Amino acid sequence: MRLRLFHARDGARVAYREAGTGPPLVLLHSARLSHREFEPVVTELADRFRLLLPDLPLHGDSEDRPHHPYTLDWLADVVSDFAWDAGGRRVLVAGHGEGAEIALHAVATGRLRPHKLVLMPTRLHRPATKERLGPGWRAGAGLAAVPGLDRVTALGARLAFRPEHGMALTARNNPAARDLVRHALADVGRNSSLARSWARFARRWPAGQQRHLLEAYPTLDVPVLLLWADQDRYHPLATAEEALDLLPDAQLRVLQSTGFLLAYDDPVGVARELKAFCLKA
């Protein structure tokens, strides 16, 4: 995959990988991971799509300077600008976890209108329940804003979110998920700037019910695929079923024996569903 850089209007950089040819498909990963979350499906998809795999701000090789706001609105602006610039007006967008939240917020607020939208397990309109990043991650990340505690907090994040946690995010205990987490946290322990940025993100990321989404669902005129896992303890299937009833042009597909990292549990199934939905006339 080729490494490229995009610079948003305020100078924030987005590092992304590109592979394949065909209709442009942006894949947005979840929080505390990186573009490598989708590596298991690259081979299956690169023969049909031009894949665009960004590292979201605060992740991987992308923006981590603490002077940006790191609000949901700001992240939606950056992701929308990236999608339009790299993918054009008929870009396809798929997101997972916080990546899906950002994409959905961008579409619901009119910042982005992809040709089609795929939402993989995420909280959608519901309030945050179980914390995938570990208990008290918001409070822990917030400590990095205290002078002198930024580096200590960064080291603590590595201890709390160990590579073995990656296997627990799969339904099939895929050992490859350990490398995903290891890579995502490789530079955290020595990056105090990143720790301060995460403190800002933790304070400003919405935790309550997303009522504006419930109001926006009936007005979305973008075809939506809800691609869900049947064993994701963080994002129950009932959430997707509630959204399905309100979205005017949506379908729900469930992959069996998959957990939060469904691309690591069933890469063939994920690729199959993306092809069937995104390439359908």
Protein backbone atom coordinates (compact mmCIF):
# COMPACT_ATOMS: atom_id res chain seq x y z
CA MET A 1 0.00 0.00 0.00
CA ARG A 2 1.20 3.50 -0.83
CA LEU A 3 1.53 6.04 2.00
CA ARG A 4 0.15 9.51 1.25
CA LEU A 5 -0.57 12.70 3.21
CA PHE A 6 -3.61 14.99 3.19
CA HIS A 7 -3.64 18.39 4.87
CA ALA A 8 -6.95 19.80 6.09
CA ARG A 9 -7.84 23.49 5.87
CA ASP A 10 -6.42 24.21 9.32
CA GLY A 11 -3.20 22.33 8.59
CA ALA A 12 -4.09 19.07 10.36
CA ARG A 13 -2.42 16.20 8.58
CA VAL A 14 -4.06 12.89 7.73
CA ALA A 15 -1.78 10.02 6.77
CA TYR A 16 -3.48 7.40 4.63
CA ARG A 17 -2.70 4.28 2.67
CA GLU A 18 -3.99 3.65 -0.82
CA ALA A 19 -4.34 0.37 -2.70
CA GLY A 20 -6.24 -1.07 -5.64
CA THR A 21 -8.26 0.43 -8.46
CA GLY A 22 -11.95 1.06 -8.96
CA PRO A 23 -14.58 3.11 -7.13
CA PRO A 24 -13.04 4.97 -4.16
CA LEU A 25 -13.85 3.38 -0.78
CA VAL A 26 -12.78 5.11 2.46
CA LEU A 27 -12.43 2.80 5.49
CA LEU A 28 -12.47 4.59 8.86
CA HIS A 29 -11.11 2.63 11.83
CA SER A 30 -12.16 2.78 15.48
CA ALA A 31 -10.54 4.63 18.37
CA ARG A 32 -7.12 3.58 19.72
CA LEU A 33 -6.44 1.51 16.61
CA SER A 34 -5.19 2.51 13.14
CA HIS A 35 -5.66 1.83 9.44
CA ARG A 36 -4.30 -1.66 10.16
CA GLU A 37 -7.71 -2.61 11.54
CA PHE A 38 -8.74 -3.20 7.91
CA GLU A 39 -5.58 -4.93 6.68
CA PRO A 40 -7.28 -8.38 6.71
CA VAL A 41 -9.73 -7.24 4.00
CA VAL A 42 -7.34 -5.32 1.74
CA THR A 43 -6.49 -8.27 -0.50
CA GLU A 44 -10.17 -9.18 -0.87
CA LEU A 45 -11.19 -5.63 -1.82
CA ALA A 46 -8.26 -4.13 -3.73
CA ASP A 47 -9.26 -5.85 -6.97
CA ARG A 48 -12.63 -4.02 -7.00
CA PHE A 49 -12.03 -0.72 -5.17
CA ARG A 50 -9.49 2.04 -4.80
CA LEU A 51 -9.08 1.65 -1.06
CA LEU A 52 -8.34 4.73 1.04
CA LEU A 53 -7.32 3.83 4.60
CA PRO A 54 -6.62 6.91 6.74
CA ASP A 55 -5.23 7.03 10.24
CA LEU A 56 -7.75 9.20 12.05
CA PRO A 57 -6.38 12.24 13.93
CA LEU A 58 -4.73 11.12 17.21
CA HIS A 59 -3.89 7.76 15.61
CA GLY A 60 -1.03 6.24 13.66
CA ASP A 61 0.90 8.74 11.58
CA SER A 62 -1.81 11.42 11.55
CA GLU A 63 -2.26 14.68 13.44
CA ASP A 64 -1.57 14.59 17.19
CA ARG A 65 -0.69 18.19 18.15
CA PRO A 66 -2.69 19.40 21.19
CA HIS A 67 -3.77 22.79 19.80
CA HIS A 68 -6.61 21.30 17.72
CA PRO A 69 -10.07 21.05 19.34
CA TYR A 70 -10.62 17.29 18.73
CA THR A 71 -14.40 17.71 18.98
CA LEU A 72 -16.80 15.54 17.03
CA ASP A 73 -17.57 18.50 14.76
CA TRP A 74 -13.88 19.12 14.08
CA LEU A 75 -13.22 15.45 13.34
CA ALA A 76 -16.25 15.37 11.02
CA ASP A 77 -14.87 18.40 9.15
CA VAL A 78 -11.44 16.80 8.73
CA VAL A 79 -12.84 13.43 7.63
CA SER A 80 -15.28 15.06 5.20
CA ASP A 81 -12.56 17.19 3.62
CA PHE A 82 -10.36 14.13 3.28
CA ALA A 83 -13.13 12.02 1.72
CA TRP A 84 -14.03 14.69 -0.83
CA ASP A 85 -10.40 15.41 -1.71
CA ALA A 86 -9.17 11.82 -1.95
CA GLY A 87 -12.33 10.14 -3.19
CA GLY A 88 -14.32 12.68 -5.15
CA ARG A 89 -18.06 13.22 -5.33
CA ARG A 90 -19.02 9.56 -5.63
CA VAL A 91 -16.90 8.37 -2.74
CA LEU A 92 -18.03 5.35 -0.73
CA VAL A 93 -17.50 5.58 3.03
CA ALA A 94 -17.40 2.78 5.61
CA GLY A 95 -16.65 3.26 9.28
CA HIS A 96 -16.33 1.22 12.44
CA GLY A 97 -16.63 2.27 16.07
CA GLU A 98 -15.66 5.91 16.49
CA GLY A 99 -14.84 6.07 12.79
CA ALA A 100 -18.46 5.20 12.04
CA GLU A 101 -19.65 7.81 14.55
CA ILE A 102 -17.62 10.50 12.82
CA ALA A 103 -18.88 9.48 9.37
CA LEU A 104 -22.51 9.32 10.50
CA HIS A 105 -22.27 12.71 12.20
CA ALA A 106 -20.71 14.19 9.05
CA VAL A 107 -23.56 12.86 6.90
CA ALA A 108 -26.30 13.82 9.39
CA THR A 109 -25.01 17.41 9.61
CA GLY A 110 -24.63 17.86 5.86
CA ARG A 111 -20.84 17.96 5.82
CA LEU A 112 -20.55 14.81 3.73
CA ARG A 113 -22.78 13.06 1.23
CA PRO A 114 -21.13 9.83 0.15
CA HIS A 115 -22.50 7.75 -2.66
CA LYS A 116 -23.15 5.01 -0.08
CA LEU A 117 -22.48 4.66 3.64
CA VAL A 118 -21.53 1.52 5.58
CA LEU A 119 -21.76 1.54 9.37
CA MET A 120 -20.05 -1.29 11.23
CA PRO A 121 -20.56 -1.84 14.98
CA THR A 122 -20.79 1.48 16.77
CA ARG A 123 -23.09 2.99 19.39
CA LEU A 124 -25.12 4.99 16.81
CA HIS A 125 -27.69 7.05 18.75
CA ARG A 126 -27.31 5.30 22.09
CA PRO A 127 -25.27 6.61 25.03
CA ALA A 128 -21.90 5.04 25.70
CA THR A 129 -22.25 1.86 27.79
CA LYS A 130 -19.30 -0.46 28.28
CA GLU A 131 -16.01 1.29 27.69
CA ARG A 132 -13.99 -0.64 25.13
CA LEU A 133 -10.92 1.41 26.01
CA GLY A 134 -11.03 0.25 29.61
CA PRO A 135 -12.83 1.47 32.72
CA GLY A 136 -12.31 5.13 33.50
CA TRP A 137 -10.43 5.90 30.28
CA ARG A 138 -11.94 9.39 30.12
CA ALA A 139 -10.76 10.27 33.63
CA GLY A 140 -7.36 8.68 33.00
CA ALA A 141 -6.87 10.49 29.71
CA GLY A 142 -7.95 13.73 31.35
CA LEU A 143 -5.03 13.53 33.78
CA ALA A 144 -2.67 14.20 30.88
CA ALA A 145 -3.85 17.82 30.92
CA VAL A 146 -2.20 18.23 34.35
CA PRO A 147 1.37 19.55 33.97
CA GLY A 148 3.88 16.80 34.63
CA LEU A 149 1.41 13.93 34.28
CA ASP A 150 1.25 13.72 30.49
CA ARG A 151 4.10 11.22 30.10
CA VAL A 152 2.95 9.16 33.08
CA THR A 153 -0.54 8.97 31.59
CA ALA A 154 0.84 7.89 28.23
CA LEU A 155 2.77 5.05 29.85
CA GLY A 156 -0.33 4.06 31.81
CA ALA A 157 -2.33 3.79 28.59
CA ARG A 158 0.08 1.18 27.27
CA LEU A 159 -0.21 -0.82 30.47
CA ALA A 160 -4.02 -0.66 30.49
CA PHE A 161 -4.49 -1.52 26.81
CA ARG A 162 -2.12 -4.43 26.29
CA PRO A 163 -1.75 -6.36 23.03
CA GLU A 164 -3.61 -9.32 24.57
CA HIS A 165 -6.66 -7.07 24.75
CA GLY A 166 -6.84 -7.28 20.96
CA MET A 167 -7.66 -10.98 21.07
CA ALA A 168 -10.52 -10.25 23.49
CA LEU A 169 -12.02 -7.92 20.88
CA THR A 170 -12.50 -10.86 18.52
CA ALA A 171 -15.01 -13.69 18.88
CA ARG A 172 -12.50 -16.25 17.59
CA ASN A 173 -9.48 -15.16 19.67
CA ASN A 174 -7.52 -14.26 16.57
CA PRO A 175 -3.87 -13.87 17.70
CA ALA A 176 -3.19 -11.42 14.85
CA ALA A 177 -5.26 -8.85 16.76
CA ARG A 178 -2.41 -8.58 19.28
CA ASP A 179 -0.18 -7.06 16.61
CA LEU A 180 -2.93 -4.60 15.72
CA VAL A 181 -3.01 -3.24 19.29
CA ARG A 182 0.79 -3.40 19.64
CA HIS A 183 1.24 -1.28 16.52
CA ALA A 184 -1.46 1.19 17.57
CA LEU A 185 0.27 1.90 20.89
CA ALA A 186 3.87 1.63 19.73
CA ASP A 187 4.72 5.33 20.21
CA VAL A 188 2.29 6.26 22.98
CA GLY A 189 4.66 5.82 25.91
CA ARG A 190 7.11 8.47 24.68
CA ASN A 191 4.64 10.95 23.15
CA SER A 192 3.52 13.44 25.79
CA SER A 193 2.03 15.68 23.09
CA LEU A 194 -0.29 12.88 22.06
CA ALA A 195 -1.29 12.34 25.69
CA ARG A 196 -2.34 16.00 26.00
CA SER A 197 -4.31 15.73 22.77
CA TRP A 198 -6.12 12.64 24.04
CA ALA A 199 -6.97 14.55 27.21
CA ARG A 200 -8.69 17.19 25.09
CA PHE A 201 -10.48 14.52 23.05
CA ALA A 202 -11.66 12.72 26.22
CA ARG A 203 -13.19 15.90 27.64
CA ARG A 204 -15.05 16.76 24.45
CA TRP A 205 -16.18 13.44 22.98
CA PRO A 206 -19.98 13.13 23.56
CA ALA A 207 -20.97 10.34 25.94
CA GLY A 208 -24.75 10.74 26.17
CA GLN A 209 -27.55 9.73 23.86
CA GLN A 210 -27.19 11.18 20.37
CA ARG A 211 -30.72 12.56 20.02
CA HIS A 212 -29.85 14.57 16.94
CA LEU A 213 -29.25 11.28 15.10
CA LEU A 214 -32.72 10.00 15.96
CA GLU A 215 -34.09 13.17 14.40
CA ALA A 216 -31.76 12.97 11.39
CA TYR A 217 -32.27 9.30 10.45
CA PRO A 218 -35.57 9.81 8.54
CA THR A 219 -34.03 12.61 6.46
CA LEU A 220 -30.91 10.77 5.30
CA ASP A 221 -31.14 10.15 1.56
CA VAL A 222 -27.94 8.10 1.38
CA PRO A 223 -28.15 4.29 1.02
CA VAL A 224 -26.91 2.77 4.29
CA LEU A 225 -25.62 -0.70 5.13
CA LEU A 226 -25.58 -1.66 8.80
CA LEU A 227 -22.94 -4.41 8.86
CA TRP A 228 -23.07 -5.87 12.34
CA ALA A 229 -21.39 -8.54 14.47
CA ASP A 230 -23.47 -11.03 16.41
CA GLN A 231 -21.08 -11.28 19.40
CA ASP A 232 -19.98 -7.69 19.97
CA ARG A 233 -20.57 -7.04 23.66
CA TYR A 234 -20.10 -3.29 23.22
CA HIS A 235 -22.60 -2.70 20.42
CA PRO A 236 -25.71 -4.91 20.65
CA LEU A 237 -27.65 -5.85 17.56
CA ALA A 238 -30.75 -4.12 18.98
CA THR A 239 -29.07 -0.75 18.37
CA ALA A 240 -28.76 -1.45 14.65
CA GLU A 241 -32.34 -2.74 14.51
CA GLU A 242 -33.62 0.51 16.05
CA ALA A 243 -31.76 2.58 13.45
CA LEU A 244 -32.94 0.31 10.64
CA ASP A 245 -36.56 1.14 11.42
CA LEU A 246 -35.89 4.88 11.07
CA LEU A 247 -33.53 5.04 8.10
CA PRO A 248 -35.39 5.45 4.77
CA ASP A 249 -32.92 3.47 2.63
CA ALA A 250 -31.06 0.94 4.75
CA GLN A 251 -30.38 -2.75 5.13
CA LEU A 252 -28.96 -4.82 7.96
CA ARG A 253 -26.51 -7.67 7.51
CA VAL A 254 -25.17 -9.70 10.44
CA LEU A 255 -21.95 -11.71 10.33
CA GLN A 256 -22.11 -14.83 12.48
CA SER A 257 -19.44 -15.68 15.06
CA THR A 258 -17.87 -12.22 14.91
CA GLY A 259 -16.97 -9.76 17.65
CA PHE A 260 -15.91 -6.11 17.75
CA LEU A 261 -13.00 -6.69 15.34
CA LEU A 262 -15.19 -8.32 12.74
CA ALA A 263 -12.57 -7.85 10.01
CA TYR A 264 -10.26 -10.10 12.04
CA ASP A 265 -12.99 -12.65 12.70
CA ASP A 266 -14.41 -12.89 9.17
CA PRO A 267 -12.48 -10.88 6.55
CA VAL A 268 -14.07 -12.81 3.68
CA GLY A 269 -17.56 -12.07 4.99
CA VAL A 270 -16.81 -8.37 5.50
CA ALA A 271 -15.40 -8.08 1.97
CA ARG A 272 -18.34 -9.99 0.51
CA GLU A 273 -20.91 -7.69 2.12
CA LEU A 274 -19.02 -4.54 1.14
CA LYS A 275 -18.81 -5.66 -2.48
CA ALA A 276 -22.46 -6.68 -2.65
CA PHE A 277 -23.67 -3.37 -1.23
CA CYS A 278 -21.23 -0.87 -2.68
CA LEU A 279 -21.12 -2.27 -6.23
CA LYS A 280 -24.85 -2.78 -6.59
CA ALA A 281 -26.31 -0.38 -9.15
